[in-house]
């Protein structure tokens, strides 16, 4: 859902870079899970609001700037069951990470390791024998099969 990017002020607030379609959607969740060093901990959100392109939030047990600074870099998540089901032809980024990518000629490109938001469109970062950046647009992505764990793309192996 996002990442804590910095402290905000001196009273324990944090800035959150959101990975959601709109920053406001993170405010729908009163409890966040934060990950630091591979350990996930639940944190209740005392207050939060949209701020610029992200969110600022006051979390329980975060009382001052030093507490907030220790949270910098933490991943922000919510339980999957707290999310609405994806609509037809929409996918949560987390569902795409780890899928195998190939083209119609059955050339294997590797797996999706992350997704970049460029403003114009999202881009799949595919790691295989080399890194490929493949636009996640209808003209390129022909089929996403979550059950089979594959994405079929109209993409030449020489790109």
C-alpha atoms as a PDB file:
ATOM      1  CA  UNK A   1       0.000   0.000   0.000  1.00  0.00           C
ATOM      2  CA  UNK A   2       2.946   2.326   0.584  1.00  0.00           C
ATOM      3  CA  UNK A   3       6.190   3.136   2.339  1.00  0.00           C
ATOM      4  CA  UNK A   4       7.038   5.510   5.165  1.00  0.00           C
ATOM      5  CA  UNK A   5       9.350   8.059   3.612  1.00  0.00           C
ATOM      6  CA  UNK A   6      10.132  10.461   6.468  1.00  0.00           C
ATOM      7  CA  UNK A   7       9.027  11.939   9.783  1.00  0.00           C
ATOM      8  CA  UNK A   8       6.515  14.781   9.522  1.00  0.00           C
ATOM      9  CA  UNK A   9       6.776  17.440  12.191  1.00  0.00           C
ATOM     10  CA  UNK A  10       7.845  16.794  15.787  1.00  0.00           C
ATOM     11  CA  UNK A  11       4.786  15.031  17.274  1.00  0.00           C
ATOM     12  CA  UNK A  12       5.288  11.523  15.869  1.00  0.00           C
ATOM     13  CA  UNK A  13       3.636  11.922  12.472  1.00  0.00           C
ATOM     14  CA  UNK A  14       5.071  10.168   9.404  1.00  0.00           C
ATOM     15  CA  UNK A  15       4.954  10.857   5.653  1.00  0.00           C
ATOM     16  CA  UNK A  16       3.748   7.925   3.568  1.00  0.00           C
ATOM     17  CA  UNK A  17       4.462   7.465  -0.116  1.00  0.00           C
ATOM     18  CA  UNK A  18       1.368   5.606  -1.294  1.00  0.00           C
ATOM     19  CA  UNK A  19       1.240   2.881  -3.943  1.00  0.00           C
ATOM     20  CA  UNK A  20      -2.544   2.982  -4.176  1.00  0.00           C
ATOM     21  CA  UNK A  21      -4.552   4.292  -7.130  1.00  0.00           C
ATOM     22  CA  UNK A  22      -5.445   7.320  -5.024  1.00  0.00           C
ATOM     23  CA  UNK A  23      -3.672   8.369  -1.843  1.00  0.00           C
ATOM     24  CA  UNK A  24      -7.043   8.760  -0.146  1.00  0.00           C
ATOM     25  CA  UNK A  25      -7.774   5.020  -0.325  1.00  0.00           C
ATOM     26  CA  UNK A  26      -5.121   4.313   2.326  1.00  0.00           C
ATOM     27  CA  UNK A  27      -7.240   6.390   4.748  1.00  0.00           C
ATOM     28  CA  UNK A  28      -9.988   3.735   4.545  1.00  0.00           C
ATOM     29  CA  UNK A  29      -7.902   1.419   6.738  1.00  0.00           C
ATOM     30  CA  UNK A  30      -7.738   2.153  10.488  1.00  0.00           C
ATOM     31  CA  UNK A  31      -5.013  -0.445  11.065  1.00  0.00           C
ATOM     32  CA  UNK A  32      -1.781  -0.719   9.086  1.00  0.00           C
ATOM     33  CA  UNK A  33       0.896  -3.380   9.165  1.00  0.00           C
ATOM     34  CA  UNK A  34       4.457  -2.032   9.034  1.00  0.00           C
ATOM     35  CA  UNK A  35       7.460  -4.115   7.974  1.00  0.00           C
ATOM     36  CA  UNK A  36      11.001  -3.422   9.110  1.00  0.00           C
ATOM     37  CA  UNK A  37      13.818  -5.935   8.702  1.00  0.00           C
ATOM     38  CA  UNK A  38      11.402  -8.707   7.720  1.00  0.00           C
ATOM     39  CA  UNK A  39       9.203  -8.280  10.803  1.00  0.00           C
ATOM     40  CA  UNK A  40       5.582  -7.138  10.416  1.00  0.00           C
ATOM     41  CA  UNK A  41       3.852  -5.271  13.260  1.00  0.00           C
ATOM     42  CA  UNK A  42       0.312  -3.973  13.531  1.00  0.00           C
ATOM     43  CA  UNK A  43      -0.183  -0.233  14.153  1.00  0.00           C
ATOM     44  CA  UNK A  44      -3.486   1.546  14.735  1.00  0.00           C
ATOM     45  CA  UNK A  45      -3.851   4.827  12.844  1.00  0.00           C
ATOM     46  CA  UNK A  46      -4.807   7.614  15.258  1.00  0.00           C
ATOM     47  CA  UNK A  47      -5.114  10.302  12.570  1.00  0.00           C
ATOM     48  CA  UNK A  48      -4.275  10.545   8.874  1.00  0.00           C
ATOM     49  CA  UNK A  49      -4.899  12.822   5.934  1.00  0.00           C
ATOM     50  CA  UNK A  50      -3.889  13.272   2.312  1.00  0.00           C
ATOM     51  CA  UNK A  51      -0.876  15.541   1.994  1.00  0.00           C
ATOM     52  CA  UNK A  52       0.373  16.380  -1.510  1.00  0.00           C
ATOM     53  CA  UNK A  53       0.807  13.133  -3.454  1.00  0.00           C
ATOM     54  CA  UNK A  54       0.870  11.000  -0.318  1.00  0.00           C
ATOM     55  CA  UNK A  55      -0.449  10.739   3.206  1.00  0.00           C
ATOM     56  CA  UNK A  56       0.683  11.958   6.600  1.00  0.00           C
ATOM     57  CA  UNK A  57      -0.328   9.877   9.602  1.00  0.00           C
ATOM     58  CA  UNK A  58      -0.070   9.680  13.364  1.00  0.00           C
ATOM     59  CA  UNK A  59       0.288   6.061  14.458  1.00  0.00           C
ATOM     60  CA  UNK A  60      -0.166   4.687  17.954  1.00  0.00           C
ATOM     61  CA  UNK A  61       3.066   4.293  19.931  1.00  0.00           C
ATOM     62  CA  UNK A  62       4.757   6.903  17.731  1.00  0.00           C
ATOM     63  CA  UNK A  63       5.057   9.845  20.095  1.00  0.00           C
ATOM     64  CA  UNK A  64       7.829  12.079  18.742  1.00  0.00           C
ATOM     65  CA  UNK A  65      10.088  12.773  15.791  1.00  0.00           C
ATOM     66  CA  UNK A  66      12.621  10.159  16.931  1.00  0.00           C
ATOM     67  CA  UNK A  67       9.936   7.442  16.939  1.00  0.00           C
ATOM     68  CA  UNK A  68       8.810   8.577  13.482  1.00  0.00           C
ATOM     69  CA  UNK A  69      12.394   8.599  12.168  1.00  0.00           C
ATOM     70  CA  UNK A  70      12.820   4.955  13.241  1.00  0.00           C
ATOM     71  CA  UNK A  71       9.845   4.058  11.023  1.00  0.00           C
ATOM     72  CA  UNK A  72      11.449   5.552   7.899  1.00  0.00           C
ATOM     73  CA  UNK A  73      11.613   2.988   5.107  1.00  0.00           C
ATOM     74  CA  UNK A  74       8.946   0.712   6.594  1.00  0.00           C
ATOM     75  CA  UNK A  75       6.560  -0.898   4.129  1.00  0.00           C
ATOM     76  CA  UNK A  76       2.880  -0.218   4.796  1.00  0.00           C
ATOM     77  CA  UNK A  77       0.325  -2.968   4.174  1.00  0.00           C
ATOM     78  CA  UNK A  78      -3.189  -3.959   5.124  1.00  0.00           C
ATOM     79  CA  UNK A  79      -4.614  -7.482   5.317  1.00  0.00           C
ATOM     80  CA  UNK A  80      -5.709  -8.774   1.916  1.00  0.00           C
ATOM     81  CA  UNK A  81      -9.245  -9.397   3.196  1.00  0.00           C
ATOM     82  CA  UNK A  82      -9.533  -5.652   3.944  1.00  0.00           C
ATOM     83  CA  UNK A  83      -9.220  -4.839   0.244  1.00  0.00           C
ATOM     84  CA  UNK A  84     -12.148  -4.831  -2.157  1.00  0.00           C
ATOM     85  CA  UNK A  85     -12.070  -7.481  -4.871  1.00  0.00           C
ATOM     86  CA  UNK A  86     -10.361  -6.353  -8.052  1.00  0.00           C
ATOM     87  CA  UNK A  87     -12.726  -5.618 -10.910  1.00  0.00           C
ATOM     88  CA  UNK A  88     -12.524  -7.489 -14.215  1.00  0.00           C
ATOM     89  CA  UNK A  89      -9.257  -6.724 -16.006  1.00  0.00           C
ATOM     90  CA  UNK A  90      -7.826  -4.985 -12.920  1.00  0.00           C
ATOM     91  CA  UNK A  91      -5.092  -6.417 -10.746  1.00  0.00           C
ATOM     92  CA  UNK A  92      -3.418  -5.611  -7.486  1.00  0.00           C
ATOM     93  CA  UNK A  93       0.274  -5.073  -8.061  1.00  0.00           C
ATOM     94  CA  UNK A  94       1.058  -7.612  -5.352  1.00  0.00           C
ATOM     95  CA  UNK A  95      -0.726 -10.258  -7.457  1.00  0.00           C
ATOM     96  CA  UNK A  96       1.510  -9.545 -10.448  1.00  0.00           C
ATOM     97  CA  UNK A  97       4.822  -9.788  -8.594  1.00  0.00           C
ATOM     98  CA  UNK A  98       6.365 -13.218  -9.209  1.00  0.00           C
ATOM     99  CA  UNK A  99       4.317 -14.064 -12.317  1.00  0.00           C
ATOM    100  CA  UNK A 100       6.221 -15.540 -15.267  1.00  0.00           C
ATOM    101  CA  UNK A 101       6.201 -13.450 -18.436  1.00  0.00           C
ATOM    102  CA  UNK A 102       6.339 -14.828 -21.966  1.00  0.00           C
ATOM    103  CA  UNK A 103       5.227 -13.780 -25.413  1.00  0.00           C
ATOM    104  CA  UNK A 104       2.934 -15.437 -27.961  1.00  0.00           C
ATOM    105  CA  UNK A 105       5.934 -17.302 -29.411  1.00  0.00           C
ATOM    106  CA  UNK A 106       6.434 -18.888 -25.952  1.00  0.00           C
ATOM    107  CA  UNK A 107       9.731 -17.086 -25.405  1.00  0.00           C
ATOM    108  CA  UNK A 108      10.292 -16.827 -21.646  1.00  0.00           C
ATOM    109  CA  UNK A 109      11.360 -13.405 -20.369  1.00  0.00           C
ATOM    110  CA  UNK A 110      11.533 -14.072 -16.627  1.00  0.00           C
ATOM    111  CA  UNK A 111       9.372 -12.999 -13.704  1.00  0.00           C
ATOM    112  CA  UNK A 112       7.867  -9.693 -12.596  1.00  0.00           C
ATOM    113  CA  UNK A 113       9.990  -8.364  -9.727  1.00  0.00           C
ATOM    114  CA  UNK A 114       8.363  -4.976  -9.329  1.00  0.00           C
ATOM    115  CA  UNK A 115       6.158  -2.437 -11.070  1.00  0.00           C
ATOM    116  CA  UNK A 116       7.021   1.163 -11.856  1.00  0.00           C
ATOM    117  CA  UNK A 117       4.469   3.943 -12.015  1.00  0.00           C
ATOM    118  CA  UNK A 118       5.613   6.349 -14.716  1.00  0.00           C
ATOM    119  CA  UNK A 119       2.641   8.689 -14.902  1.00  0.00           C
ATOM    120  CA  UNK A 120       1.800   7.665 -18.465  1.00  0.00           C
ATOM    121  CA  UNK A 121       1.341   3.973 -17.600  1.00  0.00           C
ATOM    122  CA  UNK A 122       2.608   1.290 -15.271  1.00  0.00           C
ATOM    123  CA  UNK A 123       5.684  -0.689 -16.328  1.00  0.00           C
ATOM    124  CA  UNK A 124       6.470  -4.306 -15.419  1.00  0.00           C
ATOM    125  CA  UNK A 125      10.083  -4.882 -14.395  1.00  0.00           C
ATOM    126  CA  UNK A 126      10.824  -8.404 -15.596  1.00  0.00           C
ATOM    127  CA  UNK A 127      14.012 -10.151 -14.476  1.00  0.00           C
ATOM    128  CA  UNK A 128      15.325 -13.061 -16.520  1.00  0.00           C
ATOM    129  CA  UNK A 129      18.511 -13.451 -18.518  1.00  0.00           C
ATOM    130  CA  UNK A 130      18.370  -9.645 -18.518  1.00  0.00           C
ATOM    131  CA  UNK A 131      16.060  -6.982 -17.166  1.00  0.00           C
ATOM    132  CA  UNK A 132      13.140  -5.948 -19.371  1.00  0.00           C
ATOM    133  CA  UNK A 133      10.790  -3.019 -18.874  1.00  0.00           C
ATOM    134  CA  UNK A 134       7.410  -3.905 -20.381  1.00  0.00           C
ATOM    135  CA  UNK A 135       4.531  -1.406 -20.445  1.00  0.00           C
ATOM    136  CA  UNK A 136       1.440  -2.686 -18.636  1.00  0.00           C
ATOM    137  CA  UNK A 137      -1.001  -1.517 -21.305  1.00  0.00           C
ATOM    138  CA  UNK A 138      -3.699  -3.355 -23.260  1.00  0.00           C
ATOM    139  CA  UNK A 139      -1.755  -3.170 -26.529  1.00  0.00           C
ATOM    140  CA  UNK A 140       1.126  -5.121 -24.954  1.00  0.00           C
ATOM    141  CA  UNK A 141      -0.369  -7.257 -22.183  1.00  0.00           C
ATOM    142  CA  UNK A 142      -2.586  -9.800 -23.893  1.00  0.00           C
ATOM    143  CA  UNK A 143      -3.493 -12.036 -20.958  1.00  0.00           C
ATOM    144  CA  UNK A 144      -2.942 -12.211 -17.220  1.00  0.00           C
ATOM    145  CA  UNK A 145      -3.666 -15.640 -15.766  1.00  0.00           C
ATOM    146  CA  UNK A 146      -3.263 -15.411 -11.988  1.00  0.00           C
ATOM    147  CA  UNK A 147      -4.225 -19.069 -11.484  1.00  0.00           C
ATOM    148  CA  UNK A 148      -1.520 -20.261 -13.898  1.00  0.00           C
ATOM    149  CA  UNK A 149       0.958 -17.624 -12.705  1.00  0.00           C
ATOM    150  CA  UNK A 150       1.651 -16.183 -16.164  1.00  0.00           C
ATOM    151  CA  UNK A 151       1.411 -12.980 -18.147  1.00  0.00           C
ATOM    152  CA  UNK A 152       1.367 -13.238 -21.942  1.00  0.00           C
ATOM    153  CA  UNK A 153       2.653 -10.158 -23.748  1.00  0.00           C
ATOM    154  CA  UNK A 154       2.967  -8.965 -27.337  1.00  0.00           C
ATOM    155  CA  UNK A 155       6.658  -8.191 -26.962  1.00  0.00           C
ATOM    156  CA  UNK A 156       9.604  -9.191 -29.079  1.00  0.00           C
ATOM    157  CA  UNK A 157      12.523 -10.943 -27.412  1.00  0.00           C
ATOM    158  CA  UNK A 158      14.917  -8.419 -28.961  1.00  0.00           C
ATOM    159  CA  UNK A 159      13.298  -5.443 -27.210  1.00  0.00           C
END
